[in-house]
Amino acid sequence: MEQRLKKVIIHSDGGCDPNPGLGGWGAVLEYGPRRRELSGYALAATNNRMEMQAAIEALRALKECCEVAFYTDSEYLKNGIALWVPAWKRNGWKAKTKKPVKNVDLWKALDALASQHKVSWHWIRGHSGHPQNERCDQLATNAIQCARKNHSPEELARALDELQSLHLDDVRNGSDLAAETFVSLR
């Protein structure tokens, strides 16, 4: 007998101020009448990394296999996971240019989490008045503000200097600075 999967709707958003710089992300998960909001920040990241981190944390929050309708305003995230990842995996995580895929640590994590669920990926226009997308944007913005309150300008400048000295597509031990400085606010 086939198991019926719980149907979950997820919206996510991420961003940086400036880009690259202090990053924040937010996600809203809905299961029937239940709603859960998640957010967090990284002392130094890029917009794309924060979009991906939001998706990773949202999927990580699911405790069992679910049918997920996932909404993002990031074409990079939607196209990356739905279209590009299969080719990258076949090519040893190399892009068409034969160079390593940027943000490969997060793509691998997202791919592993998404494979545990039945996910349909959807793009929606950002900042167009969609309530859940607007809430995710607010959660990400609030996370950035929280980070600014909890970290000195010197700490943020140091993190950004370190980020800029790294090549984001050069993965060290499956991780990089943005992942190491990540803070979840939940």
N, C-alpha and C. Protein backbone atom coordinates (compact mmCIF):
# COMPACT_ATOMS: atom_id res chain seq x y z
N MET A 1 0.83 -1.18 0.00
CA MET A 1 0.00 0.00 0.00
C MET A 1 0.88 1.24 0.00
N GLU A 2 0.59 2.18 -0.88
CA GLU A 2 1.38 3.40 -1.01
C GLU A 2 1.09 4.36 0.14
N GLN A 3 2.17 4.89 0.73
CA GLN A 3 2.03 5.84 1.82
C GLN A 3 1.63 7.21 1.28
N ARG A 4 0.65 7.84 1.92
CA ARG A 4 0.24 9.18 1.54
C ARG A 4 1.20 10.18 2.17
N LEU A 5 1.76 11.04 1.35
CA LEU A 5 2.71 12.02 1.84
C LEU A 5 1.98 13.27 2.32
N LYS A 6 2.51 13.87 3.37
CA LYS A 6 1.99 15.15 3.82
C LYS A 6 2.32 16.19 2.75
N LYS A 7 1.36 17.08 2.49
CA LYS A 7 1.56 18.14 1.49
C LYS A 7 1.95 19.42 2.22
N VAL A 8 3.15 19.89 1.91
CA VAL A 8 3.72 21.07 2.56
C VAL A 8 3.98 22.13 1.49
N ILE A 9 3.68 23.37 1.83
CA ILE A 9 4.00 24.50 0.96
C ILE A 9 5.12 25.28 1.63
N ILE A 10 6.16 25.56 0.86
CA ILE A 10 7.30 26.32 1.38
C ILE A 10 7.53 27.53 0.49
N HIS A 11 7.74 28.66 1.14
CA HIS A 11 8.21 29.88 0.47
C HIS A 11 9.54 30.25 1.11
N SER A 12 10.47 30.77 0.32
CA SER A 12 11.75 31.16 0.90
C SER A 12 12.29 32.39 0.18
N ASP A 13 13.20 33.06 0.88
CA ASP A 13 13.87 34.22 0.30
C ASP A 13 15.19 34.43 1.03
N GLY A 14 16.11 35.05 0.36
CA GLY A 14 17.39 35.38 0.96
C GLY A 14 17.97 36.60 0.29
N GLY A 15 18.89 37.24 0.97
CA GLY A 15 19.52 38.42 0.40
C GLY A 15 20.68 38.88 1.24
N CYS A 16 21.39 39.86 0.72
CA CYS A 16 22.55 40.44 1.41
C CYS A 16 22.45 41.96 1.36
N ASP A 17 23.07 42.59 2.35
CA ASP A 17 23.13 44.05 2.39
C ASP A 17 24.48 44.45 2.94
N PRO A 18 25.43 44.83 2.04
CA PRO A 18 25.36 44.84 0.58
C PRO A 18 25.61 43.44 0.02
N ASN A 19 25.64 43.30 -1.28
CA ASN A 19 25.92 42.01 -1.93
C ASN A 19 27.26 42.10 -2.66
N PRO A 20 28.27 41.31 -2.28
CA PRO A 20 28.31 40.41 -1.13
C PRO A 20 28.42 41.20 0.17
N GLY A 21 28.03 40.55 1.24
CA GLY A 21 28.07 41.18 2.55
C GLY A 21 27.27 40.40 3.56
N LEU A 22 26.72 41.10 4.51
CA LEU A 22 25.92 40.49 5.56
C LEU A 22 24.65 39.92 4.94
N GLY A 23 24.42 38.63 5.17
CA GLY A 23 23.30 37.96 4.52
C GLY A 23 22.26 37.48 5.49
N GLY A 24 21.01 37.44 5.01
CA GLY A 24 19.92 36.91 5.79
C GLY A 24 19.01 36.07 4.92
N TRP A 25 18.29 35.18 5.56
CA TRP A 25 17.35 34.32 4.83
C TRP A 25 16.11 34.10 5.69
N GLY A 26 15.01 33.76 5.02
CA GLY A 26 13.78 33.45 5.71
C GLY A 26 12.98 32.41 4.94
N ALA A 27 12.18 31.64 5.67
CA ALA A 27 11.33 30.63 5.04
C ALA A 27 10.04 30.50 5.83
N VAL A 28 8.96 30.23 5.11
CA VAL A 28 7.66 29.97 5.70
C VAL A 28 7.22 28.59 5.23
N LEU A 29 6.93 27.70 6.17
CA LEU A 29 6.45 26.35 5.87
C LEU A 29 5.00 26.26 6.31
N GLU A 30 4.15 25.71 5.44
CA GLU A 30 2.73 25.57 5.75
C GLU A 30 2.29 24.14 5.51
N TYR A 31 1.64 23.58 6.51
CA TYR A 31 1.07 22.24 6.42
C TYR A 31 -0.35 22.34 6.97
N GLY A 32 -1.32 22.34 6.09
CA GLY A 32 -2.70 22.55 6.51
C GLY A 32 -2.79 23.87 7.25
N PRO A 33 -3.37 23.86 8.47
CA PRO A 33 -3.48 25.11 9.22
C PRO A 33 -2.19 25.50 9.96
N ARG A 34 -1.22 24.60 9.97
CA ARG A 34 0.03 24.86 10.69
C ARG A 34 0.97 25.70 9.85
N ARG A 35 1.68 26.58 10.53
CA ARG A 35 2.62 27.47 9.86
C ARG A 35 3.86 27.59 10.74
N ARG A 36 5.03 27.52 10.11
CA ARG A 36 6.30 27.67 10.83
C ARG A 36 7.19 28.63 10.05
N GLU A 37 7.81 29.55 10.76
CA GLU A 37 8.72 30.51 10.15
C GLU A 37 10.13 30.25 10.64
N LEU A 38 11.09 30.33 9.73
CA LEU A 38 12.50 30.12 10.03
C LEU A 38 13.30 31.29 9.48
N SER A 39 14.40 31.63 10.12
CA SER A 39 15.28 32.65 9.58
C SER A 39 16.67 32.49 10.16
N GLY A 40 17.62 33.15 9.54
CA GLY A 40 19.00 33.10 10.01
C GLY A 40 19.85 34.05 9.21
N TYR A 41 21.14 34.09 9.53
CA TYR A 41 22.04 35.00 8.82
C TYR A 41 23.43 34.42 8.70
N ALA A 42 24.21 35.01 7.83
CA ALA A 42 25.63 34.72 7.68
C ALA A 42 26.35 36.06 7.70
N LEU A 43 27.47 36.11 8.40
CA LEU A 43 28.21 37.37 8.52
C LEU A 43 28.73 37.85 7.18
N ALA A 44 28.97 36.93 6.26
CA ALA A 44 29.44 37.30 4.93
C ALA A 44 28.95 36.24 3.95
N ALA A 45 28.26 36.67 2.93
CA ALA A 45 27.71 35.74 1.94
C ALA A 45 27.37 36.52 0.67
N THR A 46 26.65 35.86 -0.23
CA THR A 46 26.11 36.51 -1.42
C THR A 46 24.60 36.28 -1.44
N ASN A 47 23.89 37.06 -2.25
CA ASN A 47 22.45 36.86 -2.39
C ASN A 47 22.13 35.42 -2.76
N ASN A 48 22.85 34.88 -3.74
CA ASN A 48 22.58 33.51 -4.19
C ASN A 48 22.77 32.50 -3.06
N ARG A 49 23.81 32.65 -2.27
CA ARG A 49 24.05 31.72 -1.18
C ARG A 49 22.93 31.80 -0.14
N MET A 50 22.44 32.99 0.11
CA MET A 50 21.36 33.12 1.09
C MET A 50 20.05 32.55 0.56
N GLU A 51 19.78 32.69 -0.74
CA GLU A 51 18.60 32.06 -1.34
C GLU A 51 18.69 30.54 -1.16
N MET A 52 19.88 29.99 -1.39
CA MET A 52 20.07 28.55 -1.25
C MET A 52 20.00 28.11 0.20
N GLN A 53 20.57 28.90 1.11
CA GLN A 53 20.54 28.54 2.52
C GLN A 53 19.11 28.49 3.02
N ALA A 54 18.27 29.42 2.56
CA ALA A 54 16.86 29.42 2.96
C ALA A 54 16.19 28.11 2.54
N ALA A 55 16.45 27.67 1.32
CA ALA A 55 15.85 26.42 0.83
C ALA A 55 16.37 25.23 1.62
N ILE A 56 17.66 25.21 1.89
CA ILE A 56 18.26 24.11 2.66
C ILE A 56 17.63 24.02 4.04
N GLU A 57 17.55 25.14 4.73
CA GLU A 57 17.02 25.12 6.10
C GLU A 57 15.54 24.75 6.11
N ALA A 58 14.79 25.20 5.12
CA ALA A 58 13.36 24.85 5.05
C ALA A 58 13.19 23.35 4.86
N LEU A 59 13.93 22.76 3.93
CA LEU A 59 13.82 21.31 3.71
C LEU A 59 14.37 20.53 4.90
N ARG A 60 15.41 21.03 5.53
CA ARG A 60 15.99 20.37 6.70
C ARG A 60 14.98 20.32 7.86
N ALA A 61 14.08 21.27 7.91
CA ALA A 61 13.09 21.33 9.00
C ALA A 61 12.03 20.24 8.88
N LEU A 62 11.88 19.63 7.70
CA LEU A 62 10.88 18.57 7.51
C LEU A 62 11.40 17.29 8.16
N LYS A 63 10.57 16.67 8.97
CA LYS A 63 11.00 15.50 9.75
C LYS A 63 10.67 14.16 9.08
N GLU A 64 9.93 14.21 7.98
CA GLU A 64 9.60 12.99 7.24
C GLU A 64 9.45 13.35 5.77
N CYS A 65 9.41 12.33 4.93
CA CYS A 65 9.25 12.53 3.50
C CYS A 65 7.91 13.22 3.23
N CYS A 66 7.94 14.29 2.47
CA CYS A 66 6.74 15.08 2.19
C CYS A 66 6.64 15.40 0.71
N GLU A 67 5.43 15.73 0.29
CA GLU A 67 5.21 16.31 -1.03
C GLU A 67 5.26 17.82 -0.83
N VAL A 68 6.24 18.46 -1.48
CA VAL A 68 6.51 19.87 -1.22
C VAL A 68 6.28 20.70 -2.48
N ALA A 69 5.47 21.74 -2.35
CA ALA A 69 5.37 22.78 -3.38
C ALA A 69 6.27 23.90 -2.88
N PHE A 70 7.39 24.13 -3.55
CA PHE A 70 8.40 25.07 -3.10
C PHE A 70 8.39 26.30 -3.99
N TYR A 71 8.22 27.48 -3.36
CA TYR A 71 8.13 28.75 -4.08
C TYR A 71 9.32 29.63 -3.72
N THR A 72 9.98 30.14 -4.74
CA THR A 72 11.12 31.03 -4.58
C THR A 72 11.05 32.16 -5.59
N ASP A 73 11.61 33.30 -5.24
CA ASP A 73 11.71 34.39 -6.21
C ASP A 73 13.09 34.41 -6.87
N SER A 74 13.88 33.38 -6.62
CA SER A 74 15.22 33.27 -7.19
C SER A 74 15.22 32.32 -8.39
N GLU A 75 15.42 32.86 -9.57
CA GLU A 75 15.54 32.00 -10.76
C GLU A 75 16.81 31.15 -10.66
N TYR A 76 17.86 31.70 -10.05
CA TYR A 76 19.10 30.94 -9.85
C TYR A 76 18.82 29.67 -9.04
N LEU A 77 18.09 29.81 -7.95
CA LEU A 77 17.76 28.64 -7.13
C LEU A 77 16.84 27.68 -7.87
N LYS A 78 15.77 28.17 -8.42
CA LYS A 78 14.78 27.31 -9.09
C LYS A 78 15.41 26.59 -10.28
N ASN A 79 16.09 27.33 -11.15
CA ASN A 79 16.70 26.70 -12.32
C ASN A 79 17.86 25.79 -11.94
N GLY A 80 18.62 26.22 -10.93
CA GLY A 80 19.76 25.40 -10.51
C GLY A 80 19.33 24.03 -10.03
N ILE A 81 18.38 23.98 -9.12
CA ILE A 81 17.99 22.68 -8.55
C ILE A 81 17.14 21.88 -9.53
N ALA A 82 16.29 22.54 -10.29
CA ALA A 82 15.37 21.82 -11.18
C ALA A 82 16.00 21.45 -12.52
N LEU A 83 16.94 22.26 -13.02
CA LEU A 83 17.47 22.04 -14.36
C LEU A 83 18.96 21.73 -14.40
N TRP A 84 19.77 22.45 -13.65
CA TRP A 84 21.21 22.36 -13.82
C TRP A 84 21.87 21.28 -12.99
N VAL A 85 21.37 21.00 -11.79
CA VAL A 85 22.04 20.03 -10.90
C VAL A 85 22.21 18.65 -11.55
N PRO A 86 21.20 18.11 -12.24
CA PRO A 86 21.42 16.78 -12.85
C PRO A 86 22.62 16.76 -13.81
N ALA A 87 22.77 17.80 -14.62
CA ALA A 87 23.90 17.87 -15.54
C ALA A 87 25.21 18.06 -14.79
N TRP A 88 25.20 18.90 -13.78
CA TRP A 88 26.41 19.12 -12.99
C TRP A 88 26.87 17.82 -12.34
N LYS A 89 25.94 17.05 -11.81
CA LYS A 89 26.29 15.78 -11.18
C LYS A 89 26.90 14.83 -12.20
N ARG A 90 26.29 14.75 -13.38
CA ARG A 90 26.83 13.87 -14.44
C ARG A 90 28.24 14.30 -14.84
N ASN A 91 28.52 15.61 -14.76
CA ASN A 91 29.81 16.14 -15.19
C ASN A 91 30.78 16.34 -14.03
N GLY A 92 30.55 15.64 -12.92
CA GLY A 92 31.46 15.76 -11.78
C GLY A 92 31.43 17.14 -11.13
N TRP A 93 30.28 17.75 -11.09
CA TRP A 93 30.07 19.09 -10.51
C TRP A 93 30.90 20.15 -11.22
N LYS A 94 30.94 19.99 -12.55
CA LYS A 94 31.58 20.99 -13.41
C LYS A 94 30.51 21.65 -14.26
N ALA A 95 30.68 22.95 -14.49
CA ALA A 95 29.76 23.70 -15.35
C ALA A 95 30.11 23.43 -16.81
N LYS A 96 29.30 23.97 -17.71
CA LYS A 96 29.57 23.80 -19.15
C LYS A 96 30.96 24.30 -19.52
N THR A 97 31.46 25.27 -18.77
CA THR A 97 32.78 25.84 -19.03
C THR A 97 33.91 24.94 -18.55
N LYS A 98 33.55 23.79 -17.94
CA LYS A 98 34.49 22.83 -17.36
C LYS A 98 35.11 23.34 -16.05
N LYS A 99 34.65 24.49 -15.57
CA LYS A 99 35.10 25.01 -14.27
C LYS A 99 34.19 24.45 -13.18
N PRO A 100 34.70 24.38 -11.95
CA PRO A 100 33.85 23.90 -10.85
C PRO A 100 32.60 24.77 -10.70
N VAL A 101 31.50 24.15 -10.34
CA VAL A 101 30.24 24.85 -10.12
C VAL A 101 30.40 25.76 -8.90
N LYS A 102 29.95 26.99 -9.03
CA LYS A 102 29.97 27.91 -7.88
C LYS A 102 28.95 27.44 -6.85
N ASN A 103 29.29 27.64 -5.60
CA ASN A 103 28.41 27.27 -4.48
C ASN A 103 28.13 25.77 -4.41
N VAL A 104 29.08 24.98 -4.84
CA VAL A 104 28.88 23.54 -4.93
C VAL A 104 28.54 22.92 -3.58
N ASP A 105 29.08 23.46 -2.50
CA ASP A 105 28.77 22.91 -1.18
C ASP A 105 27.28 23.02 -0.89
N LEU A 106 26.68 24.15 -1.23
CA LEU A 106 25.25 24.33 -0.98
C LEU A 106 24.41 23.56 -1.99
N TRP A 107 24.84 23.49 -3.24
CA TRP A 107 24.09 22.70 -4.23
C TRP A 107 24.03 21.24 -3.81
N LYS A 108 25.15 20.70 -3.34
CA LYS A 108 25.16 19.30 -2.91
C LYS A 108 24.23 19.09 -1.71
N ALA A 109 24.28 20.00 -0.76
CA ALA A 109 23.41 19.89 0.41
C ALA A 109 21.94 19.99 0.01
N LEU A 110 21.62 20.94 -0.85
CA LEU A 110 20.24 21.12 -1.30
C LEU A 110 19.76 19.90 -2.09
N ASP A 111 20.60 19.39 -2.96
CA ASP A 111 20.24 18.21 -3.74
C ASP A 111 19.96 17.01 -2.83
N ALA A 112 20.79 16.81 -1.83
CA ALA A 112 20.60 15.69 -0.91
C ALA A 112 19.28 15.84 -0.14
N LEU A 113 18.99 17.03 0.32
CA LEU A 113 17.74 17.24 1.07
C LEU A 113 16.52 17.12 0.16
N ALA A 114 16.59 17.71 -1.03
CA ALA A 114 15.45 17.66 -1.95
C ALA A 114 15.15 16.22 -2.38
N SER A 115 16.19 15.39 -2.47
CA SER A 115 15.98 14.00 -2.90
C SER A 115 15.23 13.17 -1.86
N GLN A 116 15.09 13.68 -0.64
CA GLN A 116 14.36 12.98 0.41
C GLN A 116 12.86 13.26 0.35
N HIS A 117 12.45 14.13 -0.57
CA HIS A 117 11.06 14.54 -0.67
C HIS A 117 10.63 14.54 -2.14
N LYS A 118 9.35 14.71 -2.35
CA LYS A 118 8.82 14.91 -3.70
C LYS A 118 8.57 16.41 -3.84
N VAL A 119 9.52 17.11 -4.48
CA VAL A 119 9.48 18.57 -4.53
C VAL A 119 9.14 19.06 -5.93
N SER A 120 8.18 19.96 -6.01
CA SER A 120 7.94 20.70 -7.25
C SER A 120 8.40 22.13 -6.99
N TRP A 121 9.24 22.63 -7.88
CA TRP A 121 9.86 23.94 -7.72
C TRP A 121 9.11 24.96 -8.55
N HIS A 122 8.82 26.13 -7.94
CA HIS A 122 8.04 27.18 -8.61
C HIS A 122 8.73 28.52 -8.41
N TRP A 123 8.77 29.31 -9.48
CA TRP A 123 9.30 30.66 -9.39
C TRP A 123 8.14 31.64 -9.30
N ILE A 124 8.27 32.62 -8.41
CA ILE A 124 7.30 33.71 -8.33
C ILE A 124 8.07 35.03 -8.34
N ARG A 125 7.45 36.05 -8.87
CA ARG A 125 8.10 37.35 -8.94
C ARG A 125 8.23 37.93 -7.52
N GLY A 126 9.43 38.36 -7.17
CA GLY A 126 9.67 38.94 -5.86
C GLY A 126 9.13 40.35 -5.76
N HIS A 127 8.83 40.76 -4.56
CA HIS A 127 8.36 42.12 -4.27
C HIS A 127 7.14 42.50 -5.11
N SER A 128 6.26 41.52 -5.29
CA SER A 128 5.05 41.76 -6.09
C SER A 128 3.79 41.65 -5.24
N GLY A 129 3.94 41.66 -3.92
CA GLY A 129 2.79 41.65 -3.05
C GLY A 129 2.32 40.26 -2.62
N HIS A 130 3.02 39.21 -3.00
CA HIS A 130 2.63 37.87 -2.57
C HIS A 130 2.90 37.76 -1.07
N PRO A 131 1.89 37.50 -0.23
CA PRO A 131 2.05 37.58 1.23
C PRO A 131 3.18 36.71 1.80
N GLN A 132 3.29 35.45 1.38
CA GLN A 132 4.33 34.60 1.94
C GLN A 132 5.71 35.02 1.47
N ASN A 133 5.83 35.45 0.22
CA ASN A 133 7.11 35.92 -0.28
C ASN A 133 7.52 37.21 0.44
N GLU A 134 6.57 38.09 0.65
CA GLU A 134 6.87 39.32 1.38
C GLU A 134 7.29 39.01 2.82
N ARG A 135 6.65 38.03 3.44
CA ARG A 135 7.01 37.65 4.81
C ARG A 135 8.42 37.07 4.85
N CYS A 136 8.77 36.25 3.86
CA CYS A 136 10.13 35.70 3.81
C CYS A 136 11.16 36.81 3.65
N ASP A 137 10.86 37.79 2.82
CA ASP A 137 11.74 38.93 2.64
C ASP A 137 11.90 39.67 3.97
N GLN A 138 10.81 39.84 4.70
CA GLN A 138 10.86 40.51 5.99
C GLN A 138 11.69 39.71 6.99
N LEU A 139 11.53 38.39 7.00
CA LEU A 139 12.32 37.54 7.89
C LEU A 139 13.82 37.67 7.58
N ALA A 140 14.17 37.67 6.29
CA ALA A 140 15.57 37.82 5.89
C ALA A 140 16.11 39.18 6.31
N THR A 141 15.33 40.22 6.08
CA THR A 141 15.74 41.58 6.46
C THR A 141 15.90 41.69 7.97
N ASN A 142 14.97 41.12 8.72
CA ASN A 142 15.07 41.13 10.19
C ASN A 142 16.31 40.39 10.67
N ALA A 143 16.65 39.29 10.00
CA ALA A 143 17.85 38.53 10.38
C ALA A 143 19.11 39.37 10.16
N ILE A 144 19.15 40.11 9.06
CA ILE A 144 20.29 41.00 8.80
C ILE A 144 20.37 42.07 9.89
N GLN A 145 19.23 42.65 10.25
CA GLN A 145 19.22 43.66 11.31
C GLN A 145 19.68 43.07 12.65
N CYS A 146 19.26 41.86 12.94
CA CYS A 146 19.68 41.18 14.17
C CYS A 146 21.20 40.99 14.17
N ALA A 147 21.75 40.59 13.05
CA ALA A 147 23.20 40.39 12.94
C ALA A 147 23.93 41.70 13.16
N ARG A 148 23.41 42.77 12.60
CA ARG A 148 24.05 44.09 12.78
C ARG A 148 24.07 44.50 14.26
N LYS A 149 23.02 44.13 15.00
CA LYS A 149 22.95 44.46 16.42
C LYS A 149 23.91 43.60 17.25
N ASN A 150 24.12 42.36 16.81
CA ASN A 150 24.89 41.40 17.60
C ASN A 150 26.37 41.31 17.23
N HIS A 151 26.77 42.00 16.16
CA HIS A 151 28.16 41.92 15.72
C HIS A 151 28.66 43.32 15.43
N SER A 152 29.89 43.56 15.81
CA SER A 152 30.48 44.89 15.62
C SER A 152 30.77 45.12 14.14
N PRO A 153 30.85 46.39 13.74
CA PRO A 153 31.24 46.69 12.36
C PRO A 153 32.59 46.07 12.00
N GLU A 154 33.48 45.98 12.99
CA GLU A 154 34.79 45.38 12.74
C GLU A 154 34.66 43.89 12.44
N GLU A 155 33.80 43.19 13.18
CA GLU A 155 33.57 41.76 12.92
C GLU A 155 33.01 41.56 11.51
N LEU A 156 32.04 42.38 11.15
CA LEU A 156 31.42 42.26 9.82
C LEU A 156 32.44 42.57 8.73
N ALA A 157 33.26 43.58 8.93
CA ALA A 157 34.28 43.93 7.94
C ALA A 157 35.29 42.80 7.78
N ARG A 158 35.69 42.19 8.92
CA ARG A 158 36.63 41.06 8.87
C ARG A 158 36.04 39.89 8.10
N ALA A 159 34.76 39.57 8.38
CA ALA A 159 34.10 38.46 7.70
C ALA A 159 34.02 38.72 6.20
N LEU A 160 33.70 39.96 5.82
CA LEU A 160 33.62 40.29 4.40
C LEU A 160 34.99 40.22 3.75
N ASP A 161 36.02 40.71 4.43
CA ASP A 161 37.38 40.62 3.89
C ASP A 161 37.77 39.16 3.66
N GLU A 162 37.44 38.29 4.63
CA GLU A 162 37.76 36.86 4.48
C GLU A 162 36.99 36.25 3.32
N LEU A 163 35.72 36.61 3.20
CA LEU A 163 34.91 36.09 2.10
C LEU A 163 35.49 36.51 0.76
N GLN A 164 35.86 37.78 0.66
CA GLN A 164 36.38 38.28 -0.61
C GLN A 164 37.74 37.70 -0.95
N SER A 165 38.47 37.21 0.06
CA SER A 165 39.78 36.60 -0.22
C SER A 165 39.64 35.14 -0.67
N LEU A 166 38.46 34.58 -0.45
CA LEU A 166 38.21 33.20 -0.87
C LEU A 166 37.63 33.18 -2.28
N HIS A 167 37.78 32.08 -2.92
CA HIS A 167 37.05 31.82 -4.16
C HIS A 167 35.84 31.01 -3.75
N LEU A 168 34.63 31.55 -3.92
CA LEU A 168 33.43 30.87 -3.44
C LEU A 168 33.22 29.50 -4.08
N ASP A 169 33.83 29.28 -5.24
CA ASP A 169 33.66 27.97 -5.87
C ASP A 169 34.77 27.00 -5.46
N ASP A 170 35.66 27.42 -4.57
CA ASP A 170 36.73 26.56 -4.08
C ASP A 170 36.30 26.00 -2.73
N VAL A 171 35.80 24.79 -2.73
CA VAL A 171 35.25 24.21 -1.52
C VAL A 171 36.37 23.57 -0.71
N ARG A 172 36.42 23.94 0.56
CA ARG A 172 37.41 23.35 1.47
C ARG A 172 36.67 22.46 2.45
N ASN A 173 36.92 21.16 2.35
CA ASN A 173 36.28 20.19 3.25
C ASN A 173 34.76 20.29 3.23
N GLY A 174 34.19 20.57 2.07
CA GLY A 174 32.74 20.62 1.93
C GLY A 174 32.12 21.85 2.55
N SER A 175 32.90 22.86 2.86
CA SER A 175 32.39 24.03 3.57
C SER A 175 33.17 25.24 3.13
N ASP A 176 32.64 26.42 3.44
CA ASP A 176 33.41 27.63 3.23
C ASP A 176 33.00 28.65 4.27
N LEU A 177 33.51 29.85 4.17
CA LEU A 177 33.30 30.86 5.19
C LEU A 177 31.82 31.14 5.44
N ALA A 178 31.04 31.27 4.38
CA ALA A 178 29.63 31.61 4.57
C ALA A 178 28.92 30.54 5.39
N ALA A 179 29.22 29.29 5.15
CA ALA A 179 28.59 28.22 5.93
C ALA A 179 29.11 28.22 7.36
N GLU A 180 30.38 28.54 7.55
CA GLU A 180 30.95 28.51 8.89
C GLU A 180 30.45 29.65 9.78
N THR A 181 30.02 30.75 9.20
CA THR A 181 29.57 31.88 10.00
C THR A 181 28.05 31.98 10.02
N PHE A 182 27.38 30.94 9.64
CA PHE A 182 25.93 30.90 9.56
C PHE A 182 25.29 30.79 10.95
N VAL A 183 24.28 31.58 11.20
CA VAL A 183 23.56 31.56 12.47
C VAL A 183 22.07 31.40 12.19
N SER A 184 21.44 30.43 12.83
CA SER A 184 20.01 30.22 12.69
C SER A 184 19.28 30.91 13.82
N LEU A 185 18.25 31.68 13.50
CA LEU A 185 17.47 32.39 14.51
C LEU A 185 16.25 31.62 14.92
N ARG A 186 15.74 30.77 14.05
CA ARG A 186 14.53 29.97 14.24
C ARG A 186 13.57 30.73 15.08
